[in-house]
């Protein structure tokens, strides 16, 4: 039974894949089985107004209004699907009833999560990202197993997306979930077989040069002011974007000194952006010390090259 379910999952969970039978035939010809995958979308800055046109599961046309948002906590799925006929919460019960009645309807199910915006430690946030993705995948896997046991043949695509909670609920909104590290924002459900990118992929992000510093100095050299001005103006014109500032230095000094000055340099750029009207919540700072050198630390010129802050739009 376990082997059969595995074969079915391979077909159904493949991004943009066809039905399980066609997929299994392809695997037999190639002599190699593909592992089930879920597409993890990148960070999405989404305001609540973006969902204003989404129905709340009040109609189920597969031609019009077929994109639905619900605040349903998808981490409840494993517990709910222990029963073949789970007691779905009111906010998602209609769409589940619809899927059971039209058991061949195509569906895309996207789990949305966010991280507590008050957590600023980069390594902690990365750990939470990984935890949130695995948690969402486990929940979606439980849904797929339930769907298979029910005999439903819906062609299903699963997605996991991180949204910026500050943008999703508005920059001034952060309510009763303040103490949660991982926020389960909800799910987006798309009904239909037509390929659909739930979030528009932005390919217009600008690139900016590294800002250089003199060795043992965190002062911003005046010649870099135009770059900071340009970066601030870009962020004002693209208010859904944020910026990651990564501080670096050469290998001269103690570990604590190297860590401290690389962070201080990134913080100086952050302060300069804030003075130009960019909200602190849009600026992420990390310190990488003497990691990833771009120059030879045995020469003065190489050390100068390594004293920098890199800029990444996100």
Protein backbone atom coordinates (compact mmCIF):
# COMPACT_ATOMS: atom_id res chain seq x y z
CA UNK A 1 0.00 0.00 0.00
CA UNK A 2 2.82 2.38 0.93
CA UNK A 3 4.54 1.75 -2.41
CA UNK A 4 1.31 2.41 -4.32
CA UNK A 5 0.74 5.70 -2.49
CA UNK A 6 4.32 6.72 -3.22
CA UNK A 7 3.83 6.15 -6.95
CA UNK A 8 0.60 8.13 -6.91
CA UNK A 9 2.21 11.01 -5.03
CA UNK A 10 5.07 11.18 -7.50
CA UNK A 11 2.61 11.94 -10.27
CA UNK A 12 0.30 14.26 -8.38
CA UNK A 13 2.86 16.38 -6.54
CA UNK A 14 5.10 17.12 -9.53
CA UNK A 15 4.87 20.83 -10.34
CA UNK A 16 2.75 21.29 -13.44
CA UNK A 17 2.59 17.50 -13.77
CA UNK A 18 -0.07 15.40 -15.48
CA UNK A 19 -1.96 12.50 -13.99
CA UNK A 20 -0.26 9.73 -12.04
CA UNK A 21 -0.62 7.08 -14.77
CA UNK A 22 1.12 9.17 -17.42
CA UNK A 23 3.86 10.09 -15.00
CA UNK A 24 4.48 6.47 -14.02
CA UNK A 25 4.84 5.51 -17.69
CA UNK A 26 7.48 8.18 -18.16
CA UNK A 27 9.35 6.93 -15.11
CA UNK A 28 9.35 3.36 -16.36
CA UNK A 29 10.81 4.43 -19.69
CA UNK A 30 13.55 6.45 -18.02
CA UNK A 31 14.29 3.77 -15.48
CA UNK A 32 14.51 6.38 -12.72
CA UNK A 33 11.81 7.59 -10.35
CA UNK A 34 11.53 11.28 -9.64
CA UNK A 35 10.99 12.19 -6.01
CA UNK A 36 7.82 14.10 -5.05
CA UNK A 37 8.49 17.82 -4.93
CA UNK A 38 6.64 20.93 -3.87
CA UNK A 39 7.44 24.29 -5.36
CA UNK A 40 8.53 26.76 -2.71
CA UNK A 41 7.93 30.28 -3.92
CA UNK A 42 10.23 33.06 -2.81
CA UNK A 43 9.46 35.91 -0.50
CA UNK A 44 6.33 37.80 -1.43
CA UNK A 45 5.46 41.27 -0.21
CA UNK A 46 1.67 41.21 -0.32
CA UNK A 47 -0.73 43.80 1.01
CA UNK A 48 -4.16 42.83 2.25
CA UNK A 49 -5.63 44.93 -0.55
CA UNK A 50 -4.17 42.42 -3.02
CA UNK A 51 -6.78 39.94 -1.82
CA UNK A 52 -9.72 42.35 -2.03
CA UNK A 53 -11.05 40.69 -5.18
CA UNK A 54 -10.70 37.12 -3.89
CA UNK A 55 -13.96 35.40 -2.99
CA UNK A 56 -14.32 33.84 0.44
CA UNK A 57 -15.53 30.48 -0.90
CA UNK A 58 -18.97 31.81 -1.80
CA UNK A 59 -18.94 30.67 -5.44
CA UNK A 60 -17.04 27.96 -7.28
CA UNK A 61 -16.91 28.80 -10.95
CA UNK A 62 -13.85 27.35 -12.65
CA UNK A 63 -14.10 30.05 -15.31
CA UNK A 64 -14.54 33.20 -13.25
CA UNK A 65 -13.55 34.12 -9.69
CA UNK A 66 -11.65 30.86 -9.26
CA UNK A 67 -8.93 32.18 -6.96
CA UNK A 68 -9.78 31.99 -3.27
CA UNK A 69 -8.04 33.12 -0.09
CA UNK A 70 -8.78 31.84 3.40
CA UNK A 71 -7.06 32.35 6.74
CA UNK A 72 -7.49 28.61 7.38
CA UNK A 73 -4.56 27.25 9.43
CA UNK A 74 -3.15 24.56 7.13
CA UNK A 75 -1.16 23.00 10.00
CA UNK A 76 -4.49 21.60 11.23
CA UNK A 77 -4.71 19.35 8.16
CA UNK A 78 -2.79 16.33 9.57
CA UNK A 79 -5.07 16.20 12.62
CA UNK A 80 -8.25 16.77 10.63
CA UNK A 81 -7.54 14.17 7.95
CA UNK A 82 -7.11 11.36 10.46
CA UNK A 83 -10.81 10.87 9.71
CA UNK A 84 -11.87 10.19 6.14
CA UNK A 85 -14.69 12.67 6.68
CA UNK A 86 -13.01 15.46 8.65
CA UNK A 87 -14.88 18.29 10.32
CA UNK A 88 -13.45 21.10 8.20
CA UNK A 89 -13.79 24.60 9.73
CA UNK A 90 -16.58 26.77 8.33
CA UNK A 91 -14.17 29.02 6.45
CA UNK A 92 -12.92 26.20 4.22
CA UNK A 93 -15.70 23.58 4.36
CA UNK A 94 -17.50 24.80 1.18
CA UNK A 95 -14.43 24.42 -1.01
CA UNK A 96 -13.68 20.96 0.41
CA UNK A 97 -17.28 19.90 -0.29
CA UNK A 98 -16.90 21.22 -3.81
CA UNK A 99 -13.71 19.23 -4.37
CA UNK A 100 -15.34 16.03 -3.17
CA UNK A 101 -18.31 16.57 -5.48
CA UNK A 102 -16.04 17.30 -8.47
CA UNK A 103 -13.28 14.87 -7.66
CA UNK A 104 -11.49 15.40 -10.97
CA UNK A 105 -11.26 19.19 -10.79
CA UNK A 106 -7.73 20.57 -11.06
CA UNK A 107 -6.52 22.50 -8.07
CA UNK A 108 -3.54 24.52 -6.88
CA UNK A 109 -3.17 24.78 -3.11
CA UNK A 110 -0.71 27.34 -1.79
CA UNK A 111 0.15 27.49 1.92
CA UNK A 112 1.12 30.96 3.12
CA UNK A 113 3.38 31.64 6.08
CA UNK A 114 5.17 34.66 7.50
CA UNK A 115 7.86 35.20 10.11
CA UNK A 116 7.56 37.45 13.11
CA UNK A 117 8.89 40.80 11.81
CA UNK A 118 10.39 41.54 15.22
CA UNK A 119 12.91 38.70 14.79
CA UNK A 120 15.93 40.39 13.21
CA UNK A 121 18.66 37.78 13.75
CA UNK A 122 19.52 36.47 10.27
CA UNK A 123 20.51 32.93 11.30
CA UNK A 124 17.37 32.57 13.43
CA UNK A 125 15.18 33.74 10.55
CA UNK A 126 16.81 31.25 8.16
CA UNK A 127 16.19 28.46 10.66
CA UNK A 128 12.56 29.51 10.97
CA UNK A 129 12.21 29.66 7.16
CA UNK A 130 13.33 26.06 6.90
CA UNK A 131 11.05 25.00 9.75
CA UNK A 132 8.04 26.78 8.22
CA UNK A 133 8.59 25.22 4.79
CA UNK A 134 8.93 21.71 6.19
CA UNK A 135 5.85 22.25 8.35
CA UNK A 136 3.83 23.42 5.34
CA UNK A 137 5.06 20.54 3.18
CA UNK A 138 4.08 18.02 5.85
CA UNK A 139 0.59 19.53 6.00
CA UNK A 140 0.17 19.47 2.23
CA UNK A 141 1.46 15.91 2.11
CA UNK A 142 -1.22 14.92 4.65
CA UNK A 143 -3.84 16.57 2.43
CA UNK A 144 -2.61 14.61 -0.60
CA UNK A 145 -2.74 11.31 1.30
CA UNK A 146 -6.27 12.08 2.48
CA UNK A 147 -7.32 12.97 -1.06
CA UNK A 148 -5.89 9.71 -2.38
CA UNK A 149 -7.62 7.61 0.29
CA UNK A 150 -10.90 9.33 -0.58
CA UNK A 151 -10.45 8.21 -4.19
CA UNK A 152 -10.32 11.80 -5.45
CA UNK A 153 -8.40 12.18 -8.71
CA UNK A 154 -7.89 15.91 -8.71
CA UNK A 155 -4.72 16.95 -10.50
CA UNK A 156 -3.09 18.93 -7.74
CA UNK A 157 -0.21 21.35 -7.64
CA UNK A 158 1.14 22.35 -4.23
CA UNK A 159 2.97 25.55 -3.41
CA UNK A 160 4.44 27.12 -0.31
CA UNK A 161 5.03 30.86 -0.16
CA UNK A 162 6.40 33.22 2.44
CA UNK A 163 4.61 36.54 2.59
CA UNK A 164 5.82 39.62 4.39
CA UNK A 165 3.27 39.95 7.19
CA UNK A 166 3.90 43.67 7.48
CA UNK A 167 2.73 44.10 3.90
CA UNK A 168 0.03 41.47 4.05
CA UNK A 169 -1.78 43.13 6.92
CA UNK A 170 -0.42 46.62 6.41
CA UNK A 171 2.76 48.15 7.78
CA UNK A 172 1.04 49.34 10.96
CA UNK A 173 -0.76 46.09 11.72
CA UNK A 174 0.70 43.49 13.99
CA UNK A 175 -1.87 42.20 16.43
CA UNK A 176 -2.47 39.22 18.63
CA UNK A 177 0.09 36.99 16.88
CA UNK A 178 2.98 39.09 18.18
CA UNK A 179 4.45 36.23 20.22
CA UNK A 180 4.44 33.69 17.39
CA UNK A 181 7.71 33.10 15.54
CA UNK A 182 5.97 31.49 12.55
CA UNK A 183 2.64 32.99 11.48
CA UNK A 184 0.29 30.73 9.55
CA UNK A 185 -1.29 33.31 7.26
CA UNK A 186 -3.65 30.93 5.46
CA UNK A 187 -4.11 29.33 2.05
CA UNK A 188 -4.80 30.41 -1.50
CA UNK A 189 -6.75 27.92 -3.63
CA UNK A 190 -6.86 28.11 -7.39
CA UNK A 191 -9.45 25.98 -9.21
CA UNK A 192 -8.81 25.13 -12.84
CA UNK A 193 -6.30 23.44 -15.12
CA UNK A 194 -4.92 26.61 -16.69
CA UNK A 195 -1.39 27.37 -15.52
CA UNK A 196 -1.51 30.12 -12.97
CA UNK A 197 1.20 32.04 -11.17
CA UNK A 198 -0.49 33.02 -7.92
CA UNK A 199 2.12 35.71 -7.38
CA UNK A 200 3.53 37.81 -10.17
CA UNK A 201 7.22 37.11 -10.59
CA UNK A 202 9.17 40.35 -10.42
CA UNK A 203 12.19 40.35 -12.70
CA UNK A 204 12.82 44.10 -12.55
CA UNK A 205 14.91 44.31 -9.37
CA UNK A 206 17.88 46.65 -9.69
CA UNK A 207 21.41 45.77 -8.75
CA UNK A 208 23.63 48.17 -6.82
CA UNK A 209 27.42 48.14 -6.36
CA UNK A 210 29.07 47.27 -3.06
CA UNK A 211 29.77 50.32 -0.92
CA UNK A 212 33.46 50.39 0.03
CA UNK A 213 35.05 51.41 3.34
CA UNK A 214 38.59 52.15 4.41
CA UNK A 215 40.18 49.48 6.66
CA UNK A 216 39.34 49.88 10.37
CA UNK A 217 36.72 52.51 9.55
CA UNK A 218 32.91 52.42 9.44
CA UNK A 219 32.44 55.97 8.15
CA UNK A 220 30.62 56.33 4.83
CA UNK A 221 32.93 57.95 2.29
CA UNK A 222 31.21 60.96 0.72
CA UNK A 223 31.77 59.64 -2.80
CA UNK A 224 29.25 56.85 -2.07
CA UNK A 225 26.44 59.29 -1.21
CA UNK A 226 24.99 59.23 -4.77
CA UNK A 227 24.64 55.43 -4.59
CA UNK A 228 22.78 55.67 -1.26
CA UNK A 229 20.56 58.43 -2.71
CA UNK A 230 19.79 56.26 -5.74
CA UNK A 231 19.04 53.24 -3.53
CA UNK A 232 16.69 55.26 -1.33
CA UNK A 233 14.84 56.66 -4.35
CA UNK A 234 14.50 53.16 -5.81
CA UNK A 235 13.00 51.84 -2.57
CA UNK A 236 10.57 54.77 -2.47
CA UNK A 237 9.45 54.03 -6.02
CA UNK A 238 9.14 50.30 -5.26
CA UNK A 239 7.49 50.27 -1.86
CA UNK A 240 6.93 46.50 -1.82
CA UNK A 241 10.63 45.80 -1.95
CA UNK A 242 13.13 45.63 0.88
CA UNK A 243 16.90 45.59 1.00
CA UNK A 244 19.46 43.27 2.60
CA UNK A 245 22.69 44.98 3.69
CA UNK A 246 25.56 42.57 4.33
CA UNK A 247 28.66 43.96 6.05
CA UNK A 248 32.14 42.58 5.38
CA UNK A 249 35.70 43.38 6.41
CA UNK A 250 39.24 42.06 5.99
CA UNK A 251 40.85 39.49 8.29
CA UNK A 252 42.80 41.94 10.44
CA UNK A 253 41.80 41.84 14.10
CA UNK A 254 40.06 39.65 16.62
CA UNK A 255 36.93 37.70 15.77
CA UNK A 256 34.82 40.05 17.87
CA UNK A 257 36.31 43.12 16.17
CA UNK A 258 35.79 41.68 12.69
CA UNK A 259 32.17 40.82 13.51
CA UNK A 260 31.53 44.22 15.11
CA UNK A 261 32.92 46.47 12.40
CA UNK A 262 31.24 44.55 9.59
CA UNK A 263 27.89 44.97 11.35
CA UNK A 264 28.58 48.63 12.13
CA UNK A 265 29.20 49.37 8.45
CA UNK A 266 25.90 47.82 7.42
CA UNK A 267 24.14 49.73 10.21
CA UNK A 268 25.62 53.01 8.95
CA UNK A 269 24.07 52.39 5.53
CA UNK A 270 20.76 51.50 7.22
CA UNK A 271 20.81 54.77 9.19
CA UNK A 272 21.56 56.70 6.00
CA UNK A 273 18.57 55.10 4.27
CA UNK A 274 16.31 55.80 7.24
CA UNK A 275 17.38 59.47 7.16
CA UNK A 276 16.19 59.47 3.56
CA UNK A 277 12.72 58.24 4.57
CA UNK A 278 13.02 54.45 4.25
CA UNK A 279 11.24 52.55 7.03
CA UNK A 280 13.54 50.43 9.20
CA UNK A 281 11.27 47.39 8.72
CA UNK A 282 12.28 47.27 5.05
CA UNK A 283 16.01 47.12 5.80
CA UNK A 284 17.64 43.86 6.91
CA UNK A 285 21.21 43.90 8.23
CA UNK A 286 23.61 40.99 8.67
CA UNK A 287 27.34 40.82 9.47
CA UNK A 288 29.55 38.36 7.63
CA UNK A 289 32.91 39.51 8.98
CA UNK A 290 35.82 38.35 6.80
CA UNK A 291 33.75 35.73 4.94
CA UNK A 292 33.62 35.65 1.14
CA UNK A 293 36.65 37.86 0.42
CA UNK A 294 36.76 39.49 -3.01
CA UNK A 295 40.38 40.55 -2.63
CA UNK A 296 43.67 39.15 -1.32
CA UNK A 297 43.94 39.91 2.39
CA UNK A 298 47.74 39.72 2.20
CA UNK A 299 47.84 42.99 0.24
CA UNK A 300 46.58 46.46 1.14
CA UNK A 301 44.60 46.73 -2.09
CA UNK A 302 42.96 43.36 -1.41
CA UNK A 303 42.03 44.36 2.13
CA UNK A 304 40.49 47.60 0.85
CA UNK A 305 38.35 45.57 -1.57
CA UNK A 306 37.12 43.35 1.27
CA UNK A 307 35.93 46.26 3.42
CA UNK A 308 32.46 46.65 1.98
CA UNK A 309 28.69 46.44 2.35
CA UNK A 310 26.83 44.48 -0.32
CA UNK A 311 23.32 45.51 -1.35
CA UNK A 312 20.62 43.04 -2.34
CA UNK A 313 17.07 44.04 -3.24
CA UNK A 314 14.49 41.52 -1.96
